[in-house]
């Protein structure tokens, strides 16, 4: 079973536009074309990576573990290590950066195993 995290679209768009605005302002101070190209490429790759991470968070319920995926990151959490699950309104916890204002918070006995 796969559940995709709900994202707050307005907050995500505002953050994305602010990234672009600050990136454009920082490029105005450079005069060399090669510096502008390198800075632009680095900035675009960074923004695309963050956008991919924030908008691809999903939870996969496998037979023996919970698999949490966000961009290139994965975490396997065995069901036996989950000690408690409770509702939360914190937006910036765990994988749920820029998520909706309601969610579930899970507590585990040990460190996550990153795959």
PDB file of N, CA and C in Angstrom:
ATOM      1  N   UNK A   1       0.845  -1.159   0.000  1.00  0.00           N
ATOM      2  CA  UNK A   1       0.000   0.000   0.000  1.00  0.00           C
ATOM      3  C   UNK A   1       0.907   1.243   0.000  1.00  0.00           C
ATOM      4  N   UNK A   2       0.599   2.215  -0.840  1.00  0.00           N
ATOM      5  CA  UNK A   2       1.421   3.420  -0.975  1.00  0.00           C
ATOM      6  C   UNK A   2       0.571   4.646  -0.671  1.00  0.00           C
ATOM      7  N   UNK A   3       1.097   5.510   0.207  1.00  0.00           N
ATOM      8  CA  UNK A   3       0.451   6.787   0.510  1.00  0.00           C
ATOM      9  C   UNK A   3       1.429   7.913   0.177  1.00  0.00           C
ATOM     10  N   UNK A   4       0.955   8.884  -0.575  1.00  0.00           N
ATOM     11  CA  UNK A   4       1.765  10.059  -0.897  1.00  0.00           C
ATOM     12  C   UNK A   4       1.469  11.161   0.114  1.00  0.00           C
ATOM     13  N   UNK A   5       2.518  11.841   0.563  1.00  0.00           N
ATOM     14  CA  UNK A   5       2.340  12.936   1.517  1.00  0.00           C
ATOM     15  C   UNK A   5       1.636  14.103   0.827  1.00  0.00           C
ATOM     16  N   UNK A   6       0.726  14.711   1.543  1.00  0.00           N
ATOM     17  CA  UNK A   6       0.036  15.887   1.015  1.00  0.00           C
ATOM     18  C   UNK A   6       0.908  17.114   1.261  1.00  0.00           C
ATOM     19  N   UNK A   7       1.091  17.911   0.218  1.00  0.00           N
ATOM     20  CA  UNK A   7       1.909  19.111   0.367  1.00  0.00           C
ATOM     21  C   UNK A   7       1.030  20.347   0.348  1.00  0.00           C
ATOM     22  N   UNK A   8       1.470  21.362   1.054  1.00  0.00           N
ATOM     23  CA  UNK A   8       0.808  22.651   1.044  1.00  0.00           C
ATOM     24  C   UNK A   8       1.302  23.398  -0.193  1.00  0.00           C
ATOM     25  N   UNK A   9       0.492  23.417  -1.245  1.00  0.00           N
ATOM     26  CA  UNK A   9       0.908  23.952  -2.537  1.00  0.00           C
ATOM     27  C   UNK A   9       1.281  25.424  -2.440  1.00  0.00           C
ATOM     28  N   UNK A  10       0.509  26.214  -1.724  1.00  0.00           N
ATOM     29  CA  UNK A  10       0.779  27.655  -1.629  1.00  0.00           C
ATOM     30  C   UNK A  10       2.122  27.910  -0.962  1.00  0.00           C
ATOM     31  N   UNK A  11       2.401  27.222   0.145  1.00  0.00           N
ATOM     32  CA  UNK A  11       3.684  27.385   0.826  1.00  0.00           C
ATOM     33  C   UNK A  11       4.842  26.926  -0.059  1.00  0.00           C
ATOM     34  N   UNK A  12       4.658  25.822  -0.766  1.00  0.00           N
ATOM     35  CA  UNK A  12       5.703  25.319  -1.654  1.00  0.00           C
ATOM     36  C   UNK A  12       5.993  26.306  -2.781  1.00  0.00           C
ATOM     37  N   UNK A  13       4.967  26.885  -3.365  1.00  0.00           N
ATOM     38  CA  UNK A  13       5.155  27.865  -4.448  1.00  0.00           C
ATOM     39  C   UNK A  13       5.834  29.119  -3.926  1.00  0.00           C
ATOM     40  N   UNK A  14       5.451  29.579  -2.753  1.00  0.00           N
ATOM     41  CA  UNK A  14       6.087  30.771  -2.172  1.00  0.00           C
ATOM     42  C   UNK A  14       7.574  30.520  -1.926  1.00  0.00           C
ATOM     43  N   UNK A  15       7.917  29.379  -1.348  1.00  0.00           N
ATOM     44  CA  UNK A  15       9.326  29.046  -1.101  1.00  0.00           C
ATOM     45  C   UNK A  15      10.084  28.946  -2.417  1.00  0.00           C
ATOM     46  N   UNK A  16       9.476  28.301  -3.413  1.00  0.00           N
ATOM     47  CA  UNK A  16      10.117  28.145  -4.722  1.00  0.00           C
ATOM     48  C   UNK A  16      10.362  29.505  -5.374  1.00  0.00           C
ATOM     49  N   UNK A  17       9.378  30.400  -5.334  1.00  0.00           N
ATOM     50  CA  UNK A  17       9.547  31.734  -5.918  1.00  0.00           C
ATOM     51  C   UNK A  17      10.588  32.557  -5.172  1.00  0.00           C
ATOM     52  N   UNK A  18      10.647  32.423  -3.852  1.00  0.00           N
ATOM     53  CA  UNK A  18      11.679  33.130  -3.090  1.00  0.00           C
ATOM     54  C   UNK A  18      13.076  32.628  -3.450  1.00  0.00           C
ATOM     55  N   UNK A  19      13.213  31.314  -3.651  1.00  0.00           N
ATOM     56  CA  UNK A  19      14.503  30.770  -4.100  1.00  0.00           C
ATOM     57  C   UNK A  19      14.913  31.420  -5.417  1.00  0.00           C
ATOM     58  N   UNK A  20      13.983  31.488  -6.365  1.00  0.00           N
ATOM     59  CA  UNK A  20      14.302  32.077  -7.666  1.00  0.00           C
ATOM     60  C   UNK A  20      14.614  33.563  -7.544  1.00  0.00           C
ATOM     61  N   UNK A  21      13.887  34.276  -6.714  1.00  0.00           N
ATOM     62  CA  UNK A  21      14.131  35.703  -6.530  1.00  0.00           C
ATOM     63  C   UNK A  21      15.509  35.952  -5.933  1.00  0.00           C
ATOM     64  N   UNK A  22      15.859  35.234  -4.870  1.00  0.00           N
ATOM     65  CA  UNK A  22      17.176  35.406  -4.258  1.00  0.00           C
ATOM     66  C   UNK A  22      18.293  34.964  -5.203  1.00  0.00           C
ATOM     67  N   UNK A  23      18.045  33.949  -5.988  1.00  0.00           N
ATOM     68  CA  UNK A  23      19.039  33.501  -6.964  1.00  0.00           C
ATOM     69  C   UNK A  23      19.278  34.551  -8.033  1.00  0.00           C
ATOM     70  N   UNK A  24      18.199  35.167  -8.523  1.00  0.00           N
ATOM     71  CA  UNK A  24      18.335  36.203  -9.554  1.00  0.00           C
ATOM     72  C   UNK A  24      19.046  37.433  -9.002  1.00  0.00           C
ATOM     73  N   UNK A  25      18.733  37.807  -7.772  1.00  0.00           N
ATOM     74  CA  UNK A  25      19.381  38.969  -7.154  1.00  0.00           C
ATOM     75  C   UNK A  25      20.870  38.710  -6.961  1.00  0.00           C
ATOM     76  N   UNK A  26      21.225  37.494  -6.555  1.00  0.00           N
ATOM     77  CA  UNK A  26      22.644  37.192  -6.331  1.00  0.00           C
ATOM     78  C   UNK A  26      23.429  37.168  -7.640  1.00  0.00           C
ATOM     79  N   UNK A  27      22.777  36.849  -8.753  1.00  0.00           N
ATOM     80  CA  UNK A  27      23.481  36.822 -10.039  1.00  0.00           C
ATOM     81  C   UNK A  27      23.751  38.222 -10.587  1.00  0.00           C
ATOM     82  N   UNK A  28      23.040  39.229 -10.117  1.00  0.00           N
ATOM     83  CA  UNK A  28      23.235  40.590 -10.620  1.00  0.00           C
ATOM     84  C   UNK A  28      24.598  41.162 -10.242  1.00  0.00           C
ATOM     85  N   UNK A  29      25.201  40.644  -9.190  1.00  0.00           N
ATOM     86  CA  UNK A  29      26.474  41.196  -8.733  1.00  0.00           C
ATOM     87  C   UNK A  29      27.674  40.637  -9.500  1.00  0.00           C
ATOM     88  N   UNK A  30      27.490  39.601 -10.318  1.00  0.00           N
ATOM     89  CA  UNK A  30      28.597  39.020 -11.061  1.00  0.00           C
ATOM     90  C   UNK A  30      28.660  39.608 -12.466  1.00  0.00           C
ATOM     91  N   UNK A  31      29.874  39.871 -12.936  1.00  0.00           N
ATOM     92  CA  UNK A  31      30.027  40.447 -14.266  1.00  0.00           C
ATOM     93  C   UNK A  31      30.580  39.444 -15.268  1.00  0.00           C
ATOM     94  N   UNK A  32      31.295  38.434 -14.843  1.00  0.00           N
ATOM     95  CA  UNK A  32      31.882  37.445 -15.729  1.00  0.00           C
ATOM     96  C   UNK A  32      30.805  36.467 -16.194  1.00  0.00           C
ATOM     97  N   UNK A  33      30.769  36.201 -17.488  1.00  0.00           N
ATOM     98  CA  UNK A  33      29.769  35.303 -18.046  1.00  0.00           C
ATOM     99  C   UNK A  33      29.948  33.878 -17.534  1.00  0.00           C
ATOM    100  N   UNK A  34      31.184  33.429 -17.409  1.00  0.00           N
ATOM    101  CA  UNK A  34      31.418  32.069 -16.927  1.00  0.00           C
ATOM    102  C   UNK A  34      30.949  31.913 -15.474  1.00  0.00           C
ATOM    103  N   UNK A  35      31.151  32.944 -14.660  1.00  0.00           N
ATOM    104  CA  UNK A  35      30.689  32.899 -13.271  1.00  0.00           C
ATOM    105  C   UNK A  35      29.167  32.840 -13.226  1.00  0.00           C
ATOM    106  N   UNK A  36      28.511  33.610 -14.058  1.00  0.00           N
ATOM    107  CA  UNK A  36      27.046  33.611 -14.102  1.00  0.00           C
ATOM    108  C   UNK A  36      26.527  32.243 -14.535  1.00  0.00           C
ATOM    109  N   UNK A  37      27.167  31.624 -15.521  1.00  0.00           N
ATOM    110  CA  UNK A  37      26.725  30.311 -15.993  1.00  0.00           C
ATOM    111  C   UNK A  37      26.916  29.254 -14.908  1.00  0.00           C
ATOM    112  N   UNK A  38      28.054  29.257 -14.240  1.00  0.00           N
ATOM    113  CA  UNK A  38      28.309  28.284 -13.169  1.00  0.00           C
ATOM    114  C   UNK A  38      27.340  28.486 -12.014  1.00  0.00           C
ATOM    115  N   UNK A  39      27.143  29.726 -11.594  1.00  0.00           N
ATOM    116  CA  UNK A  39      26.221  30.008 -10.485  1.00  0.00           C
ATOM    117  C   UNK A  39      24.782  29.646 -10.863  1.00  0.00           C
ATOM    118  N   UNK A  40      24.376  29.952 -12.096  1.00  0.00           N
ATOM    119  CA  UNK A  40      23.018  29.628 -12.544  1.00  0.00           C
ATOM    120  C   UNK A  40      22.790  28.123 -12.560  1.00  0.00           C
ATOM    121  N   UNK A  41      23.759  27.383 -13.080  1.00  0.00           N
ATOM    122  CA  UNK A  41      23.639  25.929 -13.139  1.00  0.00           C
ATOM    123  C   UNK A  41      23.550  25.327 -11.739  1.00  0.00           C
ATOM    124  N   UNK A  42      24.426  25.776 -10.856  1.00  0.00           N
ATOM    125  CA  UNK A  42      24.407  25.281  -9.477  1.00  0.00           C
ATOM    126  C   UNK A  42      23.076  25.600  -8.805  1.00  0.00           C
ATOM    127  N   UNK A  43      22.593  26.793  -9.008  1.00  0.00           N
ATOM    128  CA  UNK A  43      21.328  27.209  -8.403  1.00  0.00           C
ATOM    129  C   UNK A  43      20.162  26.385  -8.937  1.00  0.00           C
ATOM    130  N   UNK A  44      20.099  26.195 -10.255  1.00  0.00           N
ATOM    131  CA  UNK A  44      18.990  25.453 -10.855  1.00  0.00           C
ATOM    132  C   UNK A  44      18.999  24.002 -10.390  1.00  0.00           C
ATOM    133  N   UNK A  45      20.170  23.380 -10.336  1.00  0.00           N
ATOM    134  CA  UNK A  45      20.264  21.996  -9.863  1.00  0.00           C
ATOM    135  C   UNK A  45      19.802  21.900  -8.409  1.00  0.00           C
ATOM    136  N   UNK A  46      20.190  22.856  -7.583  1.00  0.00           N
ATOM    137  CA  UNK A  46      19.788  22.856  -6.169  1.00  0.00           C
ATOM    138  C   UNK A  46      18.282  22.998  -6.019  1.00  0.00           C
ATOM    139  N   UNK A  47      17.680  23.923  -6.748  1.00  0.00           N
ATOM    140  CA  UNK A  47      16.237  24.151  -6.652  1.00  0.00           C
ATOM    141  C   UNK A  47      15.466  22.929  -7.145  1.00  0.00           C
ATOM    142  N   UNK A  48      15.909  22.331  -8.252  1.00  0.00           N
ATOM    143  CA  UNK A  48      15.231  21.139  -8.769  1.00  0.00           C
ATOM    144  C   UNK A  48      15.333  19.989  -7.772  1.00  0.00           C
ATOM    145  N   UNK A  49      16.504  19.823  -7.143  1.00  0.00           N
ATOM    146  CA  UNK A  49      16.676  18.768  -6.147  1.00  0.00           C
ATOM    147  C   UNK A  49      15.723  18.977  -4.980  1.00  0.00           C
ATOM    148  N   UNK A  50      15.628  20.189  -4.451  1.00  0.00           N
ATOM    149  CA  UNK A  50      14.738  20.471  -3.318  1.00  0.00           C
ATOM    150  C   UNK A  50      13.281  20.257  -3.726  1.00  0.00           C
ATOM    151  N   UNK A  51      12.913  20.723  -4.911  1.00  0.00           N
ATOM    152  CA  UNK A  51      11.538  20.552  -5.409  1.00  0.00           C
ATOM    153  C   UNK A  51      11.207  19.060  -5.526  1.00  0.00           C
ATOM    154  N   UNK A  52      12.139  18.264  -6.046  1.00  0.00           N
ATOM    155  CA  UNK A  52      11.946  16.825  -6.193  1.00  0.00           C
ATOM    156  C   UNK A  52      11.778  16.171  -4.833  1.00  0.00           C
ATOM    157  N   UNK A  53      12.619  16.547  -3.884  1.00  0.00           N
ATOM    158  CA  UNK A  53      12.551  15.969  -2.540  1.00  0.00           C
ATOM    159  C   UNK A  53      11.211  16.276  -1.865  1.00  0.00           C
ATOM    160  N   UNK A  54      10.809  17.523  -1.904  1.00  0.00           N
ATOM    161  CA  UNK A  54       9.593  17.943  -1.197  1.00  0.00           C
ATOM    162  C   UNK A  54       8.342  17.338  -1.816  1.00  0.00           C
ATOM    163  N   UNK A  55       8.295  17.213  -3.128  1.00  0.00           N
ATOM    164  CA  UNK A  55       7.075  16.758  -3.789  1.00  0.00           C
ATOM    165  C   UNK A  55       7.026  15.266  -4.084  1.00  0.00           C
ATOM    166  N   UNK A  56       7.999  14.495  -3.627  1.00  0.00           N
ATOM    167  CA  UNK A  56       7.973  13.066  -3.910  1.00  0.00           C
ATOM    168  C   UNK A  56       7.950  12.217  -2.643  1.00  0.00           C
ATOM    169  N   UNK A  57       7.558  12.784  -1.523  1.00  0.00           N
ATOM    170  CA  UNK A  57       7.551  12.034  -0.271  1.00  0.00           C
ATOM    171  C   UNK A  57       6.383  11.040  -0.280  1.00  0.00           C
ATOM    172  N   UNK A  58       6.723   9.769  -0.051  1.00  0.00           N
ATOM    173  CA  UNK A  58       5.668   8.753   0.016  1.00  0.00           C
ATOM    174  C   UNK A  58       6.026   7.691   1.039  1.00  0.00           C
ATOM    175  N   UNK A  59       4.991   7.038   1.513  1.00  0.00           N
ATOM    176  CA  UNK A  59       5.105   5.996   2.518  1.00  0.00           C
ATOM    177  C   UNK A  59       4.606   4.699   1.902  1.00  0.00           C
ATOM    178  N   UNK A  60       5.456   3.676   1.900  1.00  0.00           N
ATOM    179  CA  UNK A  60       5.098   2.378   1.330  1.00  0.00           C
ATOM    180  C   UNK A  60       5.011   1.373   2.471  1.00  0.00           C
ATOM    181  N   UNK A  61       3.826   0.798   2.662  1.00  0.00           N
ATOM    182  CA  UNK A  61       3.622  -0.202   3.707  1.00  0.00           C
ATOM    183  C   UNK A  61       3.915  -1.584   3.123  1.00  0.00           C
ATOM    184  N   UNK A  62       5.085  -2.119   3.452  1.00  0.00           N
ATOM    185  CA  UNK A  62       5.483  -3.458   3.013  1.00  0.00           C
ATOM    186  C   UNK A  62       5.065  -4.469   4.085  1.00  0.00           C
ATOM    187  N   UNK A  63       5.362  -5.726   3.843  1.00  0.00           N
ATOM    188  CA  UNK A  63       4.916  -6.767   4.768  1.00  0.00           C
ATOM    189  C   UNK A  63       5.544  -6.640   6.157  1.00  0.00           C
ATOM    190  N   UNK A  64       6.847  -6.337   6.231  1.00  0.00           N
ATOM    191  CA  UNK A  64       7.548  -6.321   7.515  1.00  0.00           C
ATOM    192  C   UNK A  64       8.061  -4.952   7.944  1.00  0.00           C
ATOM    193  N   UNK A  65       7.935  -3.956   7.097  1.00  0.00           N
ATOM    194  CA  UNK A  65       8.497  -2.655   7.423  1.00  0.00           C
ATOM    195  C   UNK A  65       7.764  -1.537   6.681  1.00  0.00           C
ATOM    196  N   UNK A  66       7.963  -0.325   7.165  1.00  0.00           N
ATOM    197  CA  UNK A  66       7.454   0.883   6.529  1.00  0.00           C
ATOM    198  C   UNK A  66       8.615   1.494   5.758  1.00  0.00           C
ATOM    199  N   UNK A  67       8.443   1.726   4.466  1.00  0.00           N
ATOM    200  CA  UNK A  67       9.471   2.339   3.640  1.00  0.00           C
ATOM    201  C   UNK A  67       9.069   3.781   3.383  1.00  0.00           C
ATOM    202  N   UNK A  68       9.921   4.716   3.802  1.00  0.00           N
ATOM    203  CA  UNK A  68       9.654   6.143   3.603  1.00  0.00           C
ATOM    204  C   UNK A  68      10.612   6.635   2.538  1.00  0.00           C
ATOM    205  N   UNK A  69      10.059   7.197   1.453  1.00  0.00           N
ATOM    206  CA  UNK A  69      10.878   7.697   0.351  1.00  0.00           C
ATOM    207  C   UNK A  69      10.646   9.194   0.185  1.00  0.00           C
ATOM    208  N   UNK A  70      11.739   9.916  -0.002  1.00  0.00           N
ATOM    209  CA  UNK A  70      11.671  11.342  -0.282  1.00  0.00           C
ATOM    210  C   UNK A  70      12.827  11.710  -1.188  1.00  0.00           C
ATOM    211  N   UNK A  71      12.553  11.934  -2.490  1.00  0.00           N
ATOM    212  CA  UNK A  71      13.632  12.190  -3.430  1.00  0.00           C
ATOM    213  C   UNK A  71      14.530  10.981  -3.508  1.00  0.00           C
ATOM    214  N   UNK A  72      15.852  11.163  -3.379  1.00  0.00           N
ATOM    215  CA  UNK A  72      16.767  10.023  -3.459  1.00  0.00           C
ATOM    216  C   UNK A  72      16.944   9.292  -2.128  1.00  0.00           C
ATOM    217  N   UNK A  73      16.285   9.755  -1.077  1.00  0.00           N
ATOM    218  CA  UNK A  73      16.471   9.186   0.257  1.00  0.00           C
ATOM    219  C   UNK A  73      15.391   8.153   0.552  1.00  0.00           C
ATOM    220  N   UNK A  74      15.805   7.061   1.223  1.00  0.00           N
ATOM    221  CA  UNK A  74      14.873   6.007   1.632  1.00  0.00           C
ATOM    222  C   UNK A  74      15.193   5.608   3.059  1.00  0.00           C
ATOM    223  N   UNK A  75      14.160   5.273   3.804  1.00  0.00           N
ATOM    224  CA  UNK A  75      14.348   4.748   5.159  1.00  0.00           C
ATOM    225  C   UNK A  75      13.426   3.555   5.355  1.00  0.00           C
ATOM    226  N   UNK A  76      14.006   2.446   5.822  1.00  0.00           N
ATOM    227  CA  UNK A  76      13.228   1.261   6.176  1.00  0.00           C
ATOM    228  C   UNK A  76      13.014   1.273   7.675  1.00  0.00           C
ATOM    229  N   UNK A  77      11.767   1.210   8.100  1.00  0.00           N
ATOM    230  CA  UNK A  77      11.446   1.213   9.521  1.00  0.00           C
ATOM    231  C   UNK A  77      10.660  -0.060   9.828  1.00  0.00           C
ATOM    232  N   UNK A  78      11.271  -1.005  10.528  1.00  0.00           N
ATOM    233  CA  UNK A  78      10.536  -2.227  10.892  1.00  0.00           C
ATOM    234  C   UNK A  78       9.348  -1.876  11.796  1.00  0.00           C
ATOM    235  N   UNK A  79       8.249  -2.555  11.577  1.00  0.00           N
ATOM    236  CA  UNK A  79       7.047  -2.283  12.375  1.00  0.00           C
ATOM    237  C   UNK A  79       7.291  -2.515  13.864  1.00  0.00           C
ATOM    238  N   UNK A  80       8.173  -3.454  14.221  1.00  0.00           N
ATOM    239  CA  UNK A  80       8.444  -3.752  15.626  1.00  0.00           C
ATOM    240  C   UNK A  80       9.123  -2.575  16.327  1.00  0.00           C
ATOM    241  N   UNK A  81       9.834  -1.712  15.569  1.00  0.00           N
ATOM    242  CA  UNK A  81      10.546  -0.603  16.201  1.00  0.00           C
ATOM    243  C   UNK A  81       9.668   0.633  16.396  1.00  0.00           C
ATOM    244  N   UNK A  82       8.473   0.653  15.832  1.00  0.00           N
ATOM    245  CA  UNK A  82       7.560   1.789  16.020  1.00  0.00           C
ATOM    246  C   UNK A  82       6.880   1.626  17.370  1.00  0.00           C
ATOM    247  N   UNK A  83       7.112   2.609  18.260  1.00  0.00           N
ATOM    248  CA  UNK A  83       6.559   2.507  19.610  1.00  0.00           C
ATOM    249  C   UNK A  83       5.253   3.272  19.780  1.00  0.00           C
ATOM    250  N   UNK A  84       5.094   4.353  19.021  1.00  0.00           N
ATOM    251  CA  UNK A  84       3.897   5.171  19.200  1.00  0.00           C
ATOM    252  C   UNK A  84       3.653   5.979  17.940  1.00  0.00           C
ATOM    253  N   UNK A  85       2.391   6.237  17.627  1.00  0.00           N
ATOM    254  CA  UNK A  85       1.992   7.093  16.518  1.00  0.00           C
ATOM    255  C   UNK A  85       0.973   8.078  17.064  1.00  0.00           C
ATOM    256  N   UNK A  86       1.182   9.369  16.768  1.00  0.00           N
ATOM    257  CA  UNK A  86       0.248  10.381  17.269  1.00  0.00           C
ATOM    258  C   UNK A  86       0.060  11.485  16.227  1.00  0.00           C
ATOM    259  N   UNK A  87      -1.069  12.175  16.263  1.00  0.00           N
ATOM    260  CA  UNK A  87      -1.290  13.285  15.326  1.00  0.00           C
ATOM    261  C   UNK A  87      -0.387  14.465  15.654  1.00  0.00           C
ATOM    262  N   UNK A  88      -0.011  15.225  14.621  1.00  0.00           N
ATOM    263  CA  UNK A  88       0.827  16.404  14.824  1.00  0.00           C
ATOM    264  C   UNK A  88       0.410  17.517  13.866  1.00  0.00           C
ATOM    265  N   UNK A  89       0.710  18.739  14.261  1.00  0.00           N
ATOM    266  CA  UNK A  89       0.472  19.895  13.388  1.00  0.00           C
ATOM    267  C   UNK A  89       1.778  20.596  13.034  1.00  0.00           C
ATOM    268  N   UNK A  90       2.912  19.990  13.400  1.00  0.00           N
ATOM    269  CA  UNK A  90       4.216  20.562  13.072  1.00  0.00           C
ATOM    270  C   UNK A  90       4.517  20.353  11.592  1.00  0.00           C
ATOM    271  N   UNK A  91       4.835  21.439  10.885  1.00  0.00           N
ATOM    272  CA  UNK A  91       5.090  21.328   9.457  1.00  0.00           C
ATOM    273  C   UNK A  91       6.491  20.842   9.128  1.00  0.00           C
ATOM    274  N   UNK A  92       7.437  21.085   9.971  1.00  0.00           N
ATOM    275  CA  UNK A  92       8.827  20.831   9.624  1.00  0.00           C
ATOM    276  C   UNK A  92       9.430  19.694  10.442  1.00  0.00           C
ATOM    277  N   UNK A  93       8.754  18.554  10.461  1.00  0.00           N
ATOM    278  CA  UNK A  93       9.273  17.397  11.189  1.00  0.00           C
ATOM    279  C   UNK A  93       9.556  16.271  10.215  1.00  0.00           C
ATOM    280  N   UNK A  94      10.646  15.576  10.421  1.00  0.00           N
ATOM    281  CA  UNK A  94      10.983  14.399   9.622  1.00  0.00           C
ATOM    282  C   UNK A  94      11.071  14.677   8.141  1.00  0.00           C
ATOM    283  N   UNK A  95      10.489  13.782   7.361  1.00  0.00           N
ATOM    284  CA  UNK A  95      10.501  13.916   5.912  1.00  0.00           C
ATOM    285  C   UNK A  95       9.496  14.941   5.408  1.00  0.00           C
ATOM    286  N   UNK A  96       8.604  15.391   6.265  1.00  0.00           N
ATOM    287  CA  UNK A  96       7.461  16.160   5.805  1.00  0.00           C
ATOM    288  C   UNK A  96       7.718  17.661   5.677  1.00  0.00           C
ATOM    289  N   UNK A  97       8.843  18.045   5.115  1.00  0.00           N
ATOM    290  CA  UNK A  97       9.118  19.459   4.878  1.00  0.00           C
ATOM    291  C   UNK A  97       8.080  19.993   3.890  1.00  0.00           C
ATOM    292  N   UNK A  98       7.502  21.146   4.194  1.00  0.00           N
ATOM    293  CA  UNK A  98       6.479  21.801   3.374  1.00  0.00           C
ATOM    294  C   UNK A  98       5.232  20.939   3.201  1.00  0.00           C
ATOM    295  N   UNK A  99       4.910  20.160   4.195  1.00  0.00           N
ATOM    296  CA  UNK A  99       3.734  19.312   4.077  1.00  0.00           C
ATOM    297  C   UNK A  99       2.500  20.036   4.584  1.00  0.00           C
ATOM    298  N   UNK A 100       1.403  19.325   4.577  1.00  0.00           N
ATOM    299  CA  UNK A 100       0.161  19.923   5.055  1.00  0.00           C
ATOM    300  C   UNK A 100       0.246  20.162   6.566  1.00  0.00           C
ATOM    301  N   UNK A 101      -0.721  20.881   7.089  1.00  0.00           N
ATOM    302  CA  UNK A 101      -0.668  21.254   8.496  1.00  0.00           C
ATOM    303  C   UNK A 101      -1.138  20.142   9.435  1.00  0.00           C
ATOM    304  N   UNK A 102      -1.565  19.020   8.894  1.00  0.00           N
ATOM    305  CA  UNK A 102      -1.972  17.886   9.722  1.00  0.00           C
ATOM    306  C   UNK A 102      -1.214  16.656   9.271  1.00  0.00           C
ATOM    307  N   UNK A 103      -0.785  15.850  10.217  1.00  0.00           N
ATOM    308  CA  UNK A 103      -0.053  14.643   9.859  1.00  0.00           C
ATOM    309  C   UNK A 103       0.071  13.707  11.034  1.00  0.00           C
ATOM    310  N   UNK A 104       0.821  12.637  10.830  1.00  0.00           N
ATOM    311  CA  UNK A 104       1.088  11.667  11.876  1.00  0.00           C
ATOM    312  C   UNK A 104       2.574  11.691  12.208  1.00  0.00           C
ATOM    313  N   UNK A 105       2.857  11.580  13.483  1.00  0.00           N
ATOM    314  CA  UNK A 105       4.228  11.542  13.964  1.00  0.00           C
ATOM    315  C   UNK A 105       4.438  10.157  14.557  1.00  0.00           C
ATOM    316  N   UNK A 106       5.505   9.494  14.114  1.00  0.00           N
ATOM    317  CA  UNK A 106       5.767   8.165  14.663  1.00  0.00           C
ATOM    318  C   UNK A 106       7.079   8.171  15.418  1.00  0.00           C
ATOM    319  N   UNK A 107       7.108   7.404  16.489  1.00  0.00           N
ATOM    320  CA  UNK A 107       8.279   7.302  17.354  1.00  0.00           C
ATOM    321  C   UNK A 107       8.823   5.895  17.231  1.00  0.00           C
ATOM    322  N   UNK A 108      10.158   5.792  17.192  1.00  0.00           N
ATOM    323  CA  UNK A 108      10.780   4.479  17.025  1.00  0.00           C
ATOM    324  C   UNK A 108      11.788   4.229  18.144  1.00  0.00           C
ATOM    325  N   UNK A 109      12.112   2.947  18.363  1.00  0.00           N
ATOM    326  CA  UNK A 109      13.049   2.548  19.422  1.00  0.00           C
ATOM    327  C   UNK A 109      14.492   2.849  19.069  1.00  0.00           C
ATOM    328  N   UNK A 110      14.834   2.752  17.785  1.00  0.00           N
ATOM    329  CA  UNK A 110      16.236   2.851  17.377  1.00  0.00           C
ATOM    330  C   UNK A 110      16.391   3.809  16.212  1.00  0.00           C
ATOM    331  N   UNK A 111      17.631   4.004  15.776  1.00  0.00           N
ATOM    332  CA  UNK A 111      17.916   4.856  14.638  1.00  0.00           C
ATOM    333  C   UNK A 111      17.329   4.259  13.378  1.00  0.00           C
ATOM    334  N   UNK A 112      17.000   5.105  12.404  1.00  0.00           N
ATOM    335  CA  UNK A 112      16.496   4.640  11.123  1.00  0.00           C
ATOM    336  C   UNK A 112      17.603   3.952  10.325  1.00  0.00           C
ATOM    337  N   UNK A 113      17.235   2.946   9.591  1.00  0.00           N
ATOM    338  CA  UNK A 113      18.179   2.299   8.696  1.00  0.00           C
ATOM    339  C   UNK A 113      18.013   2.935   7.338  1.00  0.00           C
ATOM    340  N   UNK A 114      19.005   3.696   6.892  1.00  0.00           N
ATOM    341  CA  UNK A 114      18.931   4.356   5.601  1.00  0.00           C
ATOM    342  C   UNK A 114      19.435   3.396   4.550  1.00  0.00           C
ATOM    343  N   UNK A 115      18.610   3.178   3.531  1.00  0.00           N
ATOM    344  CA  UNK A 115      18.934   2.201   2.479  1.00  0.00           C
ATOM    345  C   UNK A 115      19.692   2.894   1.369  1.00  0.00           C
TER     346      UNK A 115
END
